[in-house]
Amino acid sequence: SSGINAEWPLRPGDCYSCGAVHDKPSETQMASFKRVIEKLKMGSCHAGTYKECKSKEDECQKVEVQSYLGDSSALIVHATVYKCGQKIKRERLCRTLKLTGSLLAHVHLDYCEVEGCDGDMCFAPPIY
């Protein structure tokens, strides 16, 4: 056999599944962020936080968000969420996240953008 995976559509295999905050969030903001990523069944990014994608998930996704995370006295926080996803749902993902954020964690997203990529762990968080 030539070693080519005959499964179609090709799955990315593993994707990182985690969230990372890039600024210096306030304690309130960090607590909100942790609450949100727990709702998404994820934790903070570190070297081992990837998982095998489900059969219908056909890409790795990187979601860039900005939010005050419930603390308008602090600076806006920029965060990235890494996940397995579906190309077909990529366009709707930010709307879903905005709804989920406001319903579950009372978090308003001021900015949200999703990118997708094909291949094993093709988006990797900066691991500090």
N, C-alpha and C. Protein backbone atom coordinates (compact mmCIF):
# COMPACT_ATOMS: atom_id res chain seq x y z
N SER A 1 0.84 -1.19 0.00
CA SER A 1 0.00 0.00 0.00
C SER A 1 0.88 1.25 0.00
N SER A 2 0.38 2.30 -0.61
CA SER A 2 1.20 3.50 -0.75
C SER A 2 1.13 4.38 0.50
N GLY A 3 0.35 3.96 1.50
CA GLY A 3 0.28 4.74 2.73
C GLY A 3 -0.65 5.93 2.64
N ILE A 4 -1.40 6.04 1.55
CA ILE A 4 -2.34 7.16 1.42
C ILE A 4 -3.64 6.79 2.14
N ASN A 5 -4.14 7.70 2.94
CA ASN A 5 -5.37 7.46 3.68
C ASN A 5 -6.53 7.57 2.69
N ALA A 6 -7.25 6.47 2.48
CA ALA A 6 -8.32 6.45 1.48
C ALA A 6 -9.63 7.04 2.00
N GLU A 7 -9.66 7.38 3.29
CA GLU A 7 -10.89 7.92 3.86
C GLU A 7 -11.20 9.27 3.21
N TRP A 8 -12.43 9.48 2.85
CA TRP A 8 -12.79 10.72 2.18
C TRP A 8 -14.00 11.32 2.85
N PRO A 9 -14.12 12.61 3.13
CA PRO A 9 -13.05 13.58 2.89
C PRO A 9 -11.88 13.38 3.87
N LEU A 10 -10.75 13.84 3.46
CA LEU A 10 -9.57 13.67 4.31
C LEU A 10 -9.77 14.44 5.61
N ARG A 11 -9.48 13.79 6.70
CA ARG A 11 -9.60 14.47 7.99
C ARG A 11 -8.26 15.08 8.37
N PRO A 12 -8.29 16.13 9.16
CA PRO A 12 -7.02 16.74 9.56
C PRO A 12 -6.25 15.84 10.52
N GLY A 13 -6.92 14.86 11.16
CA GLY A 13 -6.23 14.06 12.14
C GLY A 13 -6.37 14.71 13.50
N ASP A 14 -5.30 15.31 13.98
CA ASP A 14 -5.34 15.98 15.27
C ASP A 14 -5.33 17.49 15.09
N CYS A 15 -6.06 18.17 15.95
CA CYS A 15 -5.99 19.63 16.02
C CYS A 15 -5.80 20.03 17.47
N TYR A 16 -5.16 21.14 17.69
CA TYR A 16 -5.13 21.69 19.04
C TYR A 16 -6.56 22.03 19.45
N SER A 17 -6.85 21.86 20.72
CA SER A 17 -8.18 22.15 21.24
C SER A 17 -7.98 22.87 22.57
N CYS A 18 -7.91 24.20 22.49
CA CYS A 18 -7.56 24.96 23.69
C CYS A 18 -7.76 26.44 23.44
N GLY A 19 -7.59 27.22 24.47
CA GLY A 19 -7.71 28.67 24.34
C GLY A 19 -6.51 29.37 24.96
N ALA A 20 -6.11 30.48 24.37
CA ALA A 20 -4.96 31.25 24.86
C ALA A 20 -5.30 32.73 24.89
N VAL A 21 -4.95 33.39 25.99
CA VAL A 21 -5.14 34.84 26.12
C VAL A 21 -3.80 35.51 25.86
N HIS A 22 -3.81 36.59 25.07
CA HIS A 22 -2.54 37.19 24.66
C HIS A 22 -2.15 38.46 25.39
N ASP A 23 -3.06 39.03 26.14
CA ASP A 23 -2.72 40.30 26.78
C ASP A 23 -2.55 40.06 28.27
N LYS A 24 -2.60 41.12 29.04
CA LYS A 24 -2.55 40.99 30.49
C LYS A 24 -3.97 41.22 31.00
N PRO A 25 -4.77 40.14 31.04
CA PRO A 25 -6.15 40.32 31.46
C PRO A 25 -6.26 40.63 32.95
N SER A 26 -7.34 41.30 33.32
CA SER A 26 -7.62 41.50 34.73
C SER A 26 -8.08 40.16 35.32
N GLU A 27 -8.15 40.06 36.64
CA GLU A 27 -8.59 38.81 37.26
C GLU A 27 -10.01 38.45 36.81
N THR A 28 -10.87 39.45 36.71
CA THR A 28 -12.25 39.23 36.26
C THR A 28 -12.25 38.65 34.85
N GLN A 29 -11.42 39.25 33.98
CA GLN A 29 -11.37 38.80 32.59
C GLN A 29 -10.84 37.37 32.49
N MET A 30 -9.82 37.06 33.26
CA MET A 30 -9.24 35.72 33.21
C MET A 30 -10.27 34.70 33.69
N ALA A 31 -11.01 35.04 34.72
CA ALA A 31 -12.05 34.15 35.24
C ALA A 31 -13.12 33.92 34.18
N SER A 32 -13.52 34.99 33.48
CA SER A 32 -14.51 34.87 32.40
C SER A 32 -14.00 33.98 31.29
N PHE A 33 -12.73 34.20 30.91
CA PHE A 33 -12.15 33.43 29.82
C PHE A 33 -12.14 31.94 30.17
N LYS A 34 -11.72 31.64 31.40
CA LYS A 34 -11.67 30.24 31.83
C LYS A 34 -13.06 29.63 31.81
N ARG A 35 -14.07 30.43 32.20
CA ARG A 35 -15.45 29.94 32.20
C ARG A 35 -15.89 29.62 30.77
N VAL A 36 -15.54 30.49 29.84
CA VAL A 36 -15.93 30.29 28.44
C VAL A 36 -15.27 29.04 27.87
N ILE A 37 -13.95 28.90 28.05
CA ILE A 37 -13.30 27.73 27.44
C ILE A 37 -13.72 26.44 28.14
N GLU A 38 -14.09 26.51 29.43
CA GLU A 38 -14.64 25.31 30.08
C GLU A 38 -15.97 24.92 29.46
N LYS A 39 -16.78 25.92 29.12
CA LYS A 39 -18.07 25.65 28.45
C LYS A 39 -17.82 24.98 27.10
N LEU A 40 -16.71 25.34 26.46
CA LEU A 40 -16.36 24.74 25.18
C LEU A 40 -15.62 23.41 25.37
N LYS A 41 -15.55 22.96 26.63
CA LYS A 41 -14.86 21.71 27.00
C LYS A 41 -13.38 21.74 26.60
N MET A 42 -12.74 22.86 26.90
CA MET A 42 -11.32 23.02 26.60
C MET A 42 -10.62 23.60 27.82
N GLY A 43 -9.30 23.59 27.73
CA GLY A 43 -8.51 24.25 28.75
C GLY A 43 -7.55 25.23 28.10
N SER A 44 -6.62 25.75 28.89
CA SER A 44 -5.61 26.65 28.34
C SER A 44 -4.61 25.86 27.49
N CYS A 45 -4.01 26.55 26.52
CA CYS A 45 -3.08 25.87 25.61
C CYS A 45 -1.77 25.51 26.29
N HIS A 46 -1.34 24.29 26.11
CA HIS A 46 0.03 23.89 26.43
C HIS A 46 0.39 22.76 25.47
N ALA A 47 1.58 22.22 25.59
CA ALA A 47 2.10 21.32 24.55
C ALA A 47 1.18 20.14 24.23
N GLY A 48 0.45 19.61 25.20
CA GLY A 48 -0.33 18.40 24.92
C GLY A 48 -1.80 18.60 24.61
N THR A 49 -2.22 19.84 24.39
CA THR A 49 -3.67 20.09 24.31
C THR A 49 -4.22 19.96 22.89
N TYR A 50 -3.95 18.82 22.27
CA TYR A 50 -4.56 18.56 20.97
C TYR A 50 -5.38 17.29 21.10
N LYS A 51 -6.29 17.10 20.17
CA LYS A 51 -7.11 15.89 20.23
C LYS A 51 -7.43 15.43 18.82
N GLU A 52 -7.85 14.18 18.73
CA GLU A 52 -8.23 13.64 17.44
C GLU A 52 -9.60 14.19 17.06
N CYS A 53 -9.72 14.63 15.82
CA CYS A 53 -10.99 15.21 15.38
C CYS A 53 -12.00 14.11 15.08
N LYS A 54 -13.27 14.46 15.20
CA LYS A 54 -14.35 13.52 14.87
C LYS A 54 -14.43 13.36 13.36
N SER A 55 -15.11 12.31 12.91
CA SER A 55 -15.09 11.98 11.48
C SER A 55 -15.67 13.09 10.61
N LYS A 56 -16.66 13.84 11.09
CA LYS A 56 -17.23 14.87 10.22
C LYS A 56 -16.47 16.20 10.27
N GLU A 57 -15.49 16.28 11.16
CA GLU A 57 -14.68 17.50 11.25
C GLU A 57 -13.55 17.41 10.23
N ASP A 58 -13.48 18.40 9.34
CA ASP A 58 -12.54 18.25 8.23
C ASP A 58 -11.45 19.31 8.20
N GLU A 59 -11.32 20.09 9.27
CA GLU A 59 -10.22 21.05 9.30
C GLU A 59 -9.92 21.45 10.74
N CYS A 60 -8.73 22.02 10.92
CA CYS A 60 -8.40 22.66 12.19
C CYS A 60 -8.81 24.12 12.06
N GLN A 61 -9.31 24.70 13.13
CA GLN A 61 -9.73 26.09 13.08
C GLN A 61 -9.04 26.90 14.16
N LYS A 62 -8.77 28.14 13.79
CA LYS A 62 -8.18 29.10 14.71
C LYS A 62 -9.14 30.27 14.77
N VAL A 63 -9.65 30.56 15.95
CA VAL A 63 -10.64 31.63 16.12
C VAL A 63 -10.00 32.76 16.92
N GLU A 64 -9.90 33.93 16.29
CA GLU A 64 -9.36 35.11 16.98
C GLU A 64 -10.53 35.91 17.52
N VAL A 65 -10.51 36.19 18.80
CA VAL A 65 -11.59 36.99 19.39
C VAL A 65 -11.02 38.13 20.21
N GLN A 66 -11.81 39.20 20.29
CA GLN A 66 -11.48 40.29 21.20
C GLN A 66 -12.72 40.57 22.02
N SER A 67 -12.51 40.78 23.31
CA SER A 67 -13.64 41.01 24.20
C SER A 67 -13.16 41.69 25.47
N TYR A 68 -14.05 42.44 26.09
CA TYR A 68 -13.75 42.98 27.42
C TYR A 68 -13.97 41.92 28.48
N LEU A 69 -14.55 40.79 28.08
CA LEU A 69 -14.79 39.66 28.98
C LEU A 69 -15.46 40.09 30.29
N GLY A 70 -16.44 40.94 30.16
CA GLY A 70 -17.22 41.32 31.32
C GLY A 70 -16.57 42.35 32.24
N ASP A 71 -15.41 42.90 31.85
CA ASP A 71 -14.75 43.92 32.68
C ASP A 71 -14.44 45.14 31.82
N SER A 72 -15.41 46.05 31.75
CA SER A 72 -15.25 47.21 30.85
C SER A 72 -14.29 48.25 31.43
N SER A 73 -13.86 48.06 32.68
CA SER A 73 -12.89 49.00 33.25
C SER A 73 -11.47 48.61 32.84
N ALA A 74 -11.31 47.41 32.28
CA ALA A 74 -9.99 46.95 31.87
C ALA A 74 -9.82 47.13 30.35
N LEU A 75 -8.64 46.82 29.85
CA LEU A 75 -8.40 46.89 28.42
C LEU A 75 -9.03 45.69 27.73
N ILE A 76 -9.32 45.86 26.45
CA ILE A 76 -9.88 44.75 25.68
C ILE A 76 -8.85 43.62 25.59
N VAL A 77 -9.33 42.39 25.64
CA VAL A 77 -8.45 41.23 25.64
C VAL A 77 -8.53 40.53 24.28
N HIS A 78 -7.39 40.14 23.77
CA HIS A 78 -7.31 39.38 22.52
C HIS A 78 -7.01 37.93 22.90
N ALA A 79 -7.82 37.02 22.39
CA ALA A 79 -7.62 35.61 22.70
C ALA A 79 -7.76 34.78 21.43
N THR A 80 -7.19 33.59 21.47
CA THR A 80 -7.30 32.67 20.35
C THR A 80 -7.80 31.34 20.86
N VAL A 81 -8.76 30.78 20.13
CA VAL A 81 -9.27 29.44 20.45
C VAL A 81 -8.90 28.54 19.27
N TYR A 82 -8.34 27.38 19.58
CA TYR A 82 -7.96 26.39 18.56
C TYR A 82 -8.89 25.20 18.68
N LYS A 83 -9.37 24.67 17.56
CA LYS A 83 -10.33 23.57 17.64
C LYS A 83 -10.42 22.79 16.35
N CYS A 84 -10.99 21.59 16.44
CA CYS A 84 -11.40 20.84 15.25
C CYS A 84 -12.69 21.48 14.75
N GLY A 85 -12.89 21.47 13.45
CA GLY A 85 -14.12 22.08 12.97
C GLY A 85 -14.50 21.58 11.59
N GLN A 86 -15.58 22.15 11.09
CA GLN A 86 -16.08 21.79 9.76
C GLN A 86 -16.02 23.02 8.87
N LYS A 87 -15.45 22.85 7.67
CA LYS A 87 -15.40 23.96 6.71
C LYS A 87 -16.78 24.56 6.51
N ILE A 88 -17.78 23.66 6.39
CA ILE A 88 -19.13 24.11 6.06
C ILE A 88 -19.72 25.00 7.17
N LYS A 89 -19.22 24.86 8.40
CA LYS A 89 -19.76 25.63 9.51
C LYS A 89 -18.90 26.83 9.87
N ARG A 90 -17.79 27.02 9.15
CA ARG A 90 -16.83 28.06 9.53
C ARG A 90 -17.47 29.45 9.52
N GLU A 91 -18.27 29.72 8.47
CA GLU A 91 -18.89 31.06 8.34
C GLU A 91 -19.80 31.38 9.52
N ARG A 92 -20.47 30.33 10.03
CA ARG A 92 -21.45 30.55 11.10
C ARG A 92 -20.84 30.50 12.49
N LEU A 93 -19.57 30.12 12.57
CA LEU A 93 -18.97 29.86 13.88
C LEU A 93 -18.97 31.09 14.80
N CYS A 94 -18.63 32.24 14.26
CA CYS A 94 -18.57 33.43 15.11
C CYS A 94 -19.94 33.79 15.67
N ARG A 95 -20.98 33.63 14.83
CA ARG A 95 -22.33 33.90 15.32
C ARG A 95 -22.67 32.95 16.47
N THR A 96 -22.31 31.67 16.30
CA THR A 96 -22.55 30.67 17.34
C THR A 96 -21.79 31.03 18.61
N LEU A 97 -20.51 31.40 18.46
CA LEU A 97 -19.70 31.76 19.63
C LEU A 97 -20.25 32.98 20.33
N LYS A 98 -20.70 33.97 19.54
CA LYS A 98 -21.26 35.18 20.15
C LYS A 98 -22.49 34.85 20.99
N LEU A 99 -23.34 33.99 20.43
CA LEU A 99 -24.53 33.56 21.17
C LEU A 99 -24.16 32.77 22.42
N THR A 100 -23.26 31.81 22.24
CA THR A 100 -22.82 30.99 23.36
C THR A 100 -22.21 31.86 24.45
N GLY A 101 -21.34 32.78 24.03
CA GLY A 101 -20.67 33.67 24.99
C GLY A 101 -21.66 34.49 25.78
N SER A 102 -22.64 35.07 25.10
CA SER A 102 -23.56 35.93 25.83
C SER A 102 -24.55 35.12 26.66
N LEU A 103 -24.93 33.95 26.16
CA LEU A 103 -25.89 33.14 26.92
C LEU A 103 -25.26 32.46 28.13
N LEU A 104 -24.10 31.85 27.91
CA LEU A 104 -23.53 31.00 28.96
C LEU A 104 -22.62 31.75 29.92
N ALA A 105 -21.92 32.73 29.41
CA ALA A 105 -20.90 33.35 30.25
C ALA A 105 -21.08 34.86 30.36
N HIS A 106 -22.15 35.39 29.79
CA HIS A 106 -22.40 36.83 29.79
C HIS A 106 -21.20 37.59 29.26
N VAL A 107 -20.63 37.05 28.18
CA VAL A 107 -19.46 37.66 27.56
C VAL A 107 -19.87 38.14 26.18
N HIS A 108 -19.54 39.39 25.89
CA HIS A 108 -19.83 39.96 24.58
C HIS A 108 -18.54 39.97 23.77
N LEU A 109 -18.59 39.38 22.56
CA LEU A 109 -17.41 39.40 21.69
C LEU A 109 -17.46 40.64 20.82
N ASP A 110 -16.38 41.44 20.86
CA ASP A 110 -16.32 42.65 20.04
C ASP A 110 -15.75 42.36 18.66
N TYR A 111 -15.04 41.25 18.56
CA TYR A 111 -14.40 40.91 17.29
C TYR A 111 -14.27 39.39 17.26
N CYS A 112 -14.50 38.81 16.10
CA CYS A 112 -14.36 37.36 15.97
C CYS A 112 -14.05 37.04 14.52
N GLU A 113 -13.00 36.27 14.30
CA GLU A 113 -12.65 35.85 12.94
C GLU A 113 -12.12 34.42 12.98
N VAL A 114 -12.53 33.61 12.02
CA VAL A 114 -12.13 32.20 11.99
C VAL A 114 -11.31 31.91 10.74
N GLU A 115 -10.23 31.18 10.92
CA GLU A 115 -9.47 30.66 9.78
C GLU A 115 -9.47 29.14 9.90
N GLY A 116 -9.36 28.46 8.76
CA GLY A 116 -9.27 27.00 8.77
C GLY A 116 -8.02 26.56 8.04
N CYS A 117 -7.52 25.38 8.38
CA CYS A 117 -6.38 24.82 7.66
C CYS A 117 -6.50 23.31 7.63
N ASP A 118 -5.88 22.71 6.63
CA ASP A 118 -5.92 21.26 6.46
C ASP A 118 -4.60 20.66 6.90
N GLY A 119 -4.68 19.58 7.64
CA GLY A 119 -3.45 18.88 8.01
C GLY A 119 -3.31 18.77 9.51
N ASP A 120 -2.53 17.79 9.91
CA ASP A 120 -2.33 17.52 11.33
C ASP A 120 -1.82 18.74 12.06
N MET A 121 -2.54 19.19 13.07
CA MET A 121 -2.10 20.29 13.94
C MET A 121 -1.51 21.45 13.14
N CYS A 122 -2.19 21.81 12.05
CA CYS A 122 -1.64 22.83 11.15
C CYS A 122 -1.68 24.23 11.79
N PHE A 123 -2.56 24.43 12.77
CA PHE A 123 -2.49 25.66 13.56
C PHE A 123 -1.95 25.24 14.92
N ALA A 124 -0.87 25.86 15.35
CA ALA A 124 -0.34 25.53 16.68
C ALA A 124 -0.24 26.79 17.51
N PRO A 125 -0.68 26.72 18.75
CA PRO A 125 -0.57 27.90 19.61
C PRO A 125 0.89 28.16 19.96
N PRO A 126 1.24 29.41 20.21
CA PRO A 126 2.59 29.67 20.76
C PRO A 126 2.62 29.08 22.17
N ILE A 127 3.50 28.17 22.42
CA ILE A 127 3.58 27.54 23.74
C ILE A 127 4.66 28.25 24.55
N TYR A 128 4.23 28.84 25.65
CA TYR A 128 5.21 29.58 26.47
C TYR A 128 5.75 28.71 27.56
